[in-house]
Structures are given as C-alpha cells and as structure tokens.
Amino acid sequence: MTHPSVQLYEYHVWANDRTFEHLRQLPVEVFRKEVQSVFSSIAETIAHMYVVDNVWLLAMSGVSTEEIMASRKLLKEQIEDQDLESMSAMFDAVQERYRAFFEMQDMEDFSLYAHPSLGSMRVRYCDIVQHVVNHGTYHRGNITAMLRQQGFSGVPTDYVIYLLQLGPSRQNGGTEL
C-alpha cells in the first residue's frame, strides 16, 4: 500500500503540472513580468520552488548541509533563466528522483536534518514530504495572486479537486464509499 505522504507528493506533482499547463495558455510575457509579491515574478517563484524541492530531496538523501548550501546556488543558476517549458521539464526530472527515493525508503523512518540557521531536528521522511507539499501549495497561491495582479485568473489546485479527479477506485484505498 502506498504511504499517505507519497500520495500527498503525487498531489504536489499534479498541482504543479496544472499550474504549468495553465501558464502555457497565457501570454508568454506573463511569466517574467515584475509584480509586487513575495517574489518579483512567476518565473522567480517557480525557480524558488524548484530549488527548495531539490534541497529537501538532497537533505532526505543524507547530503551534508555544506553540500546542500553549495547546491542551492548552482540549482538557482541552472533554472533562473529557463523558459516555462524548460522549467517544467526540470520539475519532471526532480519529481522522478523523488519517486525513486520513495521506492527505497520507509517513509516512517527518522532522519536528522541540520538547518543552517534554525538548528537540528530529527523527523520522519513523511514529515519532510508534507513540508515540501505545503511549501509548494503556499507558492502556487503566490502565483495565483501574481496572475490576478496581471488580470488573469489562477487555476484551482485544491487537494479535494485532486482526490475527485483520482476517482473512487483510487480514493480511500480503492474502496467505494
């Protein structure tokens, strides 16, 4: 049986995919237009999401804090000037790395994480996955706000919509209500 945190991660993938698909329908300049928000553009927000998704996968994989900090800069440089399609492909690649990680891990196992400024914590892999998903949800909300500033609507990415699209055969462990 699939761990609930893995299903939650699949929601994250679905929501990111819906966001990319929605952005593809809009004028190309919307992606990099400067706005007043948490980040200065949708492209910058997506780049941040990509870096953070990678950072947490590296952390769960046991990479040292020093190596992760060095990787952050490189990851940002790799994605920041990419177009929408390239960013989408980069997300696809990191999502496949997450899936490979999930296949090798017991999501209930604990691991130690050292944050460079907040200290260390020992938490389950599934808790980190929940954080990754929550982080993505927050920033997809930022993207919707940025789109509204530019006169466009966002795309619904609520978890319940994801569940409804899964259909009854994949909800509740495959049992009908």
C-alpha atoms as a PDB file:
ATOM      1  CA  MET A   1       0.000   0.000   0.000  1.00  0.00           C
ATOM      2  CA  THR A   2       1.245   3.475  -0.847  1.00  0.00           C
ATOM      3  CA  HIS A   3       2.206   5.638   2.122  1.00  0.00           C
ATOM      4  CA  PRO A   4      -0.131   8.663   2.513  1.00  0.00           C
ATOM      5  CA  SER A   5       2.824  11.038   2.198  1.00  0.00           C
ATOM      6  CA  VAL A   6       3.602   9.596  -1.236  1.00  0.00           C
ATOM      7  CA  GLN A   7       0.002  10.233  -2.323  1.00  0.00           C
ATOM      8  CA  LEU A   8       0.353  13.747  -0.935  1.00  0.00           C
ATOM      9  CA  TYR A   9       3.504  14.181  -3.001  1.00  0.00           C
ATOM     10  CA  GLU A  10       1.614  12.994  -6.093  1.00  0.00           C
ATOM     11  CA  TYR A  11      -0.875  15.774  -5.357  1.00  0.00           C
ATOM     12  CA  HIS A  12       2.077  18.205  -5.366  1.00  0.00           C
ATOM     13  CA  VAL A  13       3.116  16.889  -8.794  1.00  0.00           C
ATOM     14  CA  TRP A  14      -0.460  17.163 -10.090  1.00  0.00           C
ATOM     15  CA  ALA A  15      -0.833  20.726  -8.768  1.00  0.00           C
ATOM     16  CA  ASN A  16       2.484  21.812 -10.272  1.00  0.00           C
ATOM     17  CA  ASP A  17       1.519  20.226 -13.598  1.00  0.00           C
ATOM     18  CA  ARG A  18      -1.834  22.057 -13.570  1.00  0.00           C
ATOM     19  CA  THR A  19      -0.035  25.311 -12.835  1.00  0.00           C
ATOM     20  CA  PHE A  20       2.403  24.806 -15.712  1.00  0.00           C
ATOM     21  CA  GLU A  21      -0.442  23.859 -18.057  1.00  0.00           C
ATOM     22  CA  HIS A  22      -2.375  26.980 -17.056  1.00  0.00           C
ATOM     23  CA  LEU A  23       0.664  29.197 -17.591  1.00  0.00           C
ATOM     24  CA  ARG A  24       1.111  27.723 -21.088  1.00  0.00           C
ATOM     25  CA  GLN A  25      -2.315  29.137 -22.012  1.00  0.00           C
ATOM     26  CA  LEU A  26      -1.334  32.710 -21.103  1.00  0.00           C
ATOM     27  CA  PRO A  27       0.716  35.306 -22.984  1.00  0.00           C
ATOM     28  CA  VAL A  28       4.414  34.463 -22.686  1.00  0.00           C
ATOM     29  CA  GLU A  29       5.309  37.817 -21.064  1.00  0.00           C
ATOM     30  CA  VAL A  30       3.150  36.983 -18.008  1.00  0.00           C
ATOM     31  CA  PHE A  31       5.811  34.513 -16.866  1.00  0.00           C
ATOM     32  CA  ARG A  32       8.557  37.096 -16.256  1.00  0.00           C
ATOM     33  CA  LYS A  33       6.529  40.263 -15.704  1.00  0.00           C
ATOM     34  CA  GLU A  34       7.537  42.062 -12.498  1.00  0.00           C
ATOM     35  CA  VAL A  35       4.847  42.180  -9.825  1.00  0.00           C
ATOM     36  CA  GLN A  36       4.547  43.179  -6.175  1.00  0.00           C
ATOM     37  CA  SER A  37       4.597  39.900  -4.275  1.00  0.00           C
ATOM     38  CA  VAL A  38       6.773  37.531  -2.283  1.00  0.00           C
ATOM     39  CA  PHE A  39       8.958  37.149  -5.401  1.00  0.00           C
ATOM     40  CA  SER A  40       9.253  39.620  -8.257  1.00  0.00           C
ATOM     41  CA  SER A  41       7.820  37.318 -10.943  1.00  0.00           C
ATOM     42  CA  ILE A  42       6.145  33.987 -11.546  1.00  0.00           C
ATOM     43  CA  ALA A  43       9.391  32.680 -13.054  1.00  0.00           C
ATOM     44  CA  GLU A  44      11.309  33.616  -9.907  1.00  0.00           C
ATOM     45  CA  THR A  45       8.681  31.919  -7.733  1.00  0.00           C
ATOM     46  CA  ILE A  46       8.851  28.710  -9.748  1.00  0.00           C
ATOM     47  CA  ALA A  47      12.653  28.787  -9.651  1.00  0.00           C
ATOM     48  CA  HIS A  48      12.499  29.071  -5.850  1.00  0.00           C
ATOM     49  CA  MET A  49      10.080  26.143  -5.639  1.00  0.00           C
ATOM     50  CA  TYR A  50      12.424  24.057  -7.776  1.00  0.00           C
ATOM     51  CA  VAL A  51      15.447  24.857  -5.629  1.00  0.00           C
ATOM     52  CA  VAL A  52      13.589  24.033  -2.410  1.00  0.00           C
ATOM     53  CA  ASP A  53      12.173  20.769  -3.782  1.00  0.00           C
ATOM     54  CA  ASN A  54      15.727  19.747  -4.702  1.00  0.00           C
ATOM     55  CA  VAL A  55      17.210  20.886  -1.393  1.00  0.00           C
ATOM     56  CA  TRP A  56      14.817  18.733   0.631  1.00  0.00           C
ATOM     57  CA  LEU A  57      15.423  15.709  -1.565  1.00  0.00           C
ATOM     58  CA  LEU A  58      19.159  16.179  -1.051  1.00  0.00           C
ATOM     59  CA  ALA A  59      18.613  16.513   2.706  1.00  0.00           C
ATOM     60  CA  MET A  60      16.467  13.369   2.874  1.00  0.00           C
ATOM     61  CA  SER A  61      19.153  11.577   0.855  1.00  0.00           C
ATOM     62  CA  GLY A  62      21.744  12.354   3.532  1.00  0.00           C
ATOM     63  CA  VAL A  63      23.701  15.065   1.721  1.00  0.00           C
ATOM     64  CA  SER A  64      25.572  17.349   4.143  1.00  0.00           C
ATOM     65  CA  THR A  65      24.344  20.861   4.906  1.00  0.00           C
ATOM     66  CA  GLU A  66      27.514  22.309   3.385  1.00  0.00           C
ATOM     67  CA  GLU A  67      26.965  20.431   0.119  1.00  0.00           C
ATOM     68  CA  ILE A  68      23.309  21.437   0.060  1.00  0.00           C
ATOM     69  CA  MET A  69      24.177  25.103   0.537  1.00  0.00           C
ATOM     70  CA  ALA A  70      26.610  24.895  -2.379  1.00  0.00           C
ATOM     71  CA  SER A  71      23.995  23.095  -4.478  1.00  0.00           C
ATOM     72  CA  ARG A  72      21.388  25.796  -3.844  1.00  0.00           C
ATOM     73  CA  LYS A  73      23.385  28.373  -5.764  1.00  0.00           C
ATOM     74  CA  LEU A  74      24.049  26.002  -8.645  1.00  0.00           C
ATOM     75  CA  LEU A  75      20.396  24.920  -8.818  1.00  0.00           C
ATOM     76  CA  LYS A  76      19.262  28.543  -8.896  1.00  0.00           C
ATOM     77  CA  GLU A  77      21.718  29.343 -11.679  1.00  0.00           C
ATOM     78  CA  GLN A  78      20.534  26.308 -13.654  1.00  0.00           C
ATOM     79  CA  ILE A  79      16.867  27.298 -13.591  1.00  0.00           C
ATOM     80  CA  GLU A  80      16.590  31.075 -13.271  1.00  0.00           C
ATOM     81  CA  ASP A  81      16.959  31.939 -16.977  1.00  0.00           C
ATOM     82  CA  GLN A  82      14.991  28.976 -18.324  1.00  0.00           C
ATOM     83  CA  ASP A  83      11.718  29.360 -20.177  1.00  0.00           C
ATOM     84  CA  LEU A  84       8.449  27.842 -18.990  1.00  0.00           C
ATOM     85  CA  GLU A  85       8.872  24.579 -20.922  1.00  0.00           C
ATOM     86  CA  SER A  86      12.411  24.052 -19.665  1.00  0.00           C
ATOM     87  CA  MET A  87      11.356  24.730 -16.080  1.00  0.00           C
ATOM     88  CA  SER A  88       8.509  22.256 -16.454  1.00  0.00           C
ATOM     89  CA  ALA A  89      10.936  19.611 -17.714  1.00  0.00           C
ATOM     90  CA  MET A  90      13.275  20.323 -14.795  1.00  0.00           C
ATOM     91  CA  PHE A  91      10.369  19.778 -12.388  1.00  0.00           C
ATOM     92  CA  ASP A  92       9.569  16.494 -14.139  1.00  0.00           C
ATOM     93  CA  ALA A  93      13.141  15.341 -13.538  1.00  0.00           C
ATOM     94  CA  VAL A  94      13.183  16.171  -9.829  1.00  0.00           C
ATOM     95  CA  GLN A  95       9.774  14.522  -9.418  1.00  0.00           C
ATOM     96  CA  GLU A  96      11.196  11.296 -10.859  1.00  0.00           C
ATOM     97  CA  ARG A  97      14.084  11.492  -8.394  1.00  0.00           C
ATOM     98  CA  TYR A  98      11.562  11.841  -5.537  1.00  0.00           C
ATOM     99  CA  ARG A  99       9.674   8.779  -6.781  1.00  0.00           C
ATOM    100  CA  ALA A 100      12.894   6.760  -6.926  1.00  0.00           C
ATOM    101  CA  PHE A 101      13.703   7.895  -3.379  1.00  0.00           C
ATOM    102  CA  PHE A 102      10.238   6.856  -2.138  1.00  0.00           C
ATOM    103  CA  GLU A 103      10.705   3.358  -3.560  1.00  0.00           C
ATOM    104  CA  MET A 104      13.835   2.891  -1.449  1.00  0.00           C
ATOM    105  CA  GLN A 105      12.622   4.397   1.840  1.00  0.00           C
ATOM    106  CA  ASP A 106      10.311   3.569   4.687  1.00  0.00           C
ATOM    107  CA  MET A 107       8.530   6.904   4.964  1.00  0.00           C
ATOM    108  CA  GLU A 108       8.097   6.388   8.724  1.00  0.00           C
ATOM    109  CA  ASP A 109      11.862   6.225   9.311  1.00  0.00           C
ATOM    110  CA  PHE A 110      13.541   9.150  11.022  1.00  0.00           C
ATOM    111  CA  SER A 111      16.440  11.196   9.771  1.00  0.00           C
ATOM    112  CA  LEU A 112      18.473  14.059  11.208  1.00  0.00           C
ATOM    113  CA  TYR A 113      18.410  17.428   9.456  1.00  0.00           C
ATOM    114  CA  ALA A 114      20.685  20.351  10.268  1.00  0.00           C
ATOM    115  CA  HIS A 115      19.256  23.709   9.223  1.00  0.00           C
ATOM    116  CA  PRO A 116      21.981  26.350   8.765  1.00  0.00           C
ATOM    117  CA  SER A 117      20.256  28.918  10.993  1.00  0.00           C
ATOM    118  CA  LEU A 118      17.419  27.167  12.854  1.00  0.00           C
ATOM    119  CA  GLY A 119      19.244  24.193  14.341  1.00  0.00           C
ATOM    120  CA  SER A 120      18.846  20.446  14.014  1.00  0.00           C
ATOM    121  CA  MET A 121      15.778  18.260  14.042  1.00  0.00           C
ATOM    122  CA  ARG A 122      15.091  14.556  13.851  1.00  0.00           C
ATOM    123  CA  VAL A 123      11.886  13.887  11.928  1.00  0.00           C
ATOM    124  CA  ARG A 124      10.293  11.258   9.715  1.00  0.00           C
ATOM    125  CA  TYR A 125      10.716  11.333   5.950  1.00  0.00           C
ATOM    126  CA  CYS A 126       6.948  11.669   5.615  1.00  0.00           C
ATOM    127  CA  ASP A 127       7.050  14.893   7.662  1.00  0.00           C
ATOM    128  CA  ILE A 128       9.590  16.412   5.276  1.00  0.00           C
ATOM    129  CA  VAL A 129       7.425  15.383   2.308  1.00  0.00           C
ATOM    130  CA  GLN A 130       4.469  17.121   3.939  1.00  0.00           C
ATOM    131  CA  HIS A 131       6.617  20.234   4.320  1.00  0.00           C
ATOM    132  CA  VAL A 132       7.637  20.102   0.634  1.00  0.00           C
ATOM    133  CA  VAL A 133       3.995  19.821  -0.424  1.00  0.00           C
ATOM    134  CA  ASN A 134       2.902  22.599   1.937  1.00  0.00           C
ATOM    135  CA  HIS A 135       5.694  24.840   0.643  1.00  0.00           C
ATOM    136  CA  GLY A 136       4.539  24.244  -2.927  1.00  0.00           C
ATOM    137  CA  THR A 137       0.926  24.982  -2.024  1.00  0.00           C
ATOM    138  CA  TYR A 138       1.933  28.294  -0.468  1.00  0.00           C
ATOM    139  CA  HIS A 139       3.855  29.396  -3.539  1.00  0.00           C
ATOM    140  CA  ARG A 140       1.202  28.232  -6.001  1.00  0.00           C
ATOM    141  CA  GLY A 141      -1.056  30.602  -4.075  1.00  0.00           C
ATOM    142  CA  ASN A 142       1.522  33.347  -4.638  1.00  0.00           C
ATOM    143  CA  ILE A 143       1.423  32.556  -8.359  1.00  0.00           C
ATOM    144  CA  THR A 144      -2.360  32.934  -8.386  1.00  0.00           C
ATOM    145  CA  ALA A 145      -2.028  36.337  -6.701  1.00  0.00           C
ATOM    146  CA  MET A 146       0.588  37.362  -9.293  1.00  0.00           C
ATOM    147  CA  LEU A 147      -1.701  36.285 -12.110  1.00  0.00           C
ATOM    148  CA  ARG A 148      -4.577  38.299 -10.658  1.00  0.00           C
ATOM    149  CA  GLN A 149      -2.345  41.375 -10.489  1.00  0.00           C
ATOM    150  CA  GLN A 150      -1.844  40.930 -14.222  1.00  0.00           C
ATOM    151  CA  GLY A 151      -5.557  40.494 -14.938  1.00  0.00           C
ATOM    152  CA  PHE A 152      -5.618  36.697 -15.235  1.00  0.00           C
ATOM    153  CA  SER A 153      -7.204  34.027 -13.088  1.00  0.00           C
ATOM    154  CA  GLY A 154      -5.307  31.252 -11.392  1.00  0.00           C
ATOM    155  CA  VAL A 155      -6.007  27.557 -11.712  1.00  0.00           C
ATOM    156  CA  PRO A 156      -7.704  25.590  -8.914  1.00  0.00           C
ATOM    157  CA  THR A 157      -5.236  23.181  -7.310  1.00  0.00           C
ATOM    158  CA  ASP A 158      -7.134  22.251  -4.155  1.00  0.00           C
ATOM    159  CA  TYR A 159      -6.365  18.817  -2.742  1.00  0.00           C
ATOM    160  CA  VAL A 160     -10.042  17.855  -2.885  1.00  0.00           C
ATOM    161  CA  ILE A 161     -10.068  18.508  -6.651  1.00  0.00           C
ATOM    162  CA  TYR A 162      -7.102  16.166  -6.955  1.00  0.00           C
ATOM    163  CA  LEU A 163      -8.962  13.497  -4.970  1.00  0.00           C
ATOM    164  CA  LEU A 164     -12.076  13.887  -7.100  1.00  0.00           C
ATOM    165  CA  GLN A 165     -10.008  13.524 -10.262  1.00  0.00           C
ATOM    166  CA  LEU A 166      -8.450  10.326  -8.922  1.00  0.00           C
ATOM    167  CA  GLY A 167     -11.897   8.761  -8.942  1.00  0.00           C
ATOM    168  CA  PRO A 168     -13.420   6.290  -6.466  1.00  0.00           C
ATOM    169  CA  SER A 169     -11.137   3.415  -7.438  1.00  0.00           C
ATOM    170  CA  ARG A 170      -8.078   5.295  -6.132  1.00  0.00           C
ATOM    171  CA  GLN A 171      -9.654   7.144  -3.205  1.00  0.00           C
ATOM    172  CA  ASN A 172      -9.849   5.624   0.286  1.00  0.00           C
ATOM    173  CA  GLY A 173      -7.536   2.773  -0.555  1.00  0.00           C
ATOM    174  CA  GLY A 174      -9.706   1.736  -3.503  1.00  0.00           C
ATOM    175  CA  THR A 175     -12.964   1.188  -1.615  1.00  0.00           C
ATOM    176  CA  GLU A 176     -16.255   2.762  -2.616  1.00  0.00           C
ATOM    177  CA  LEU A 177     -17.994   4.925  -0.040  1.00  0.00           C
END
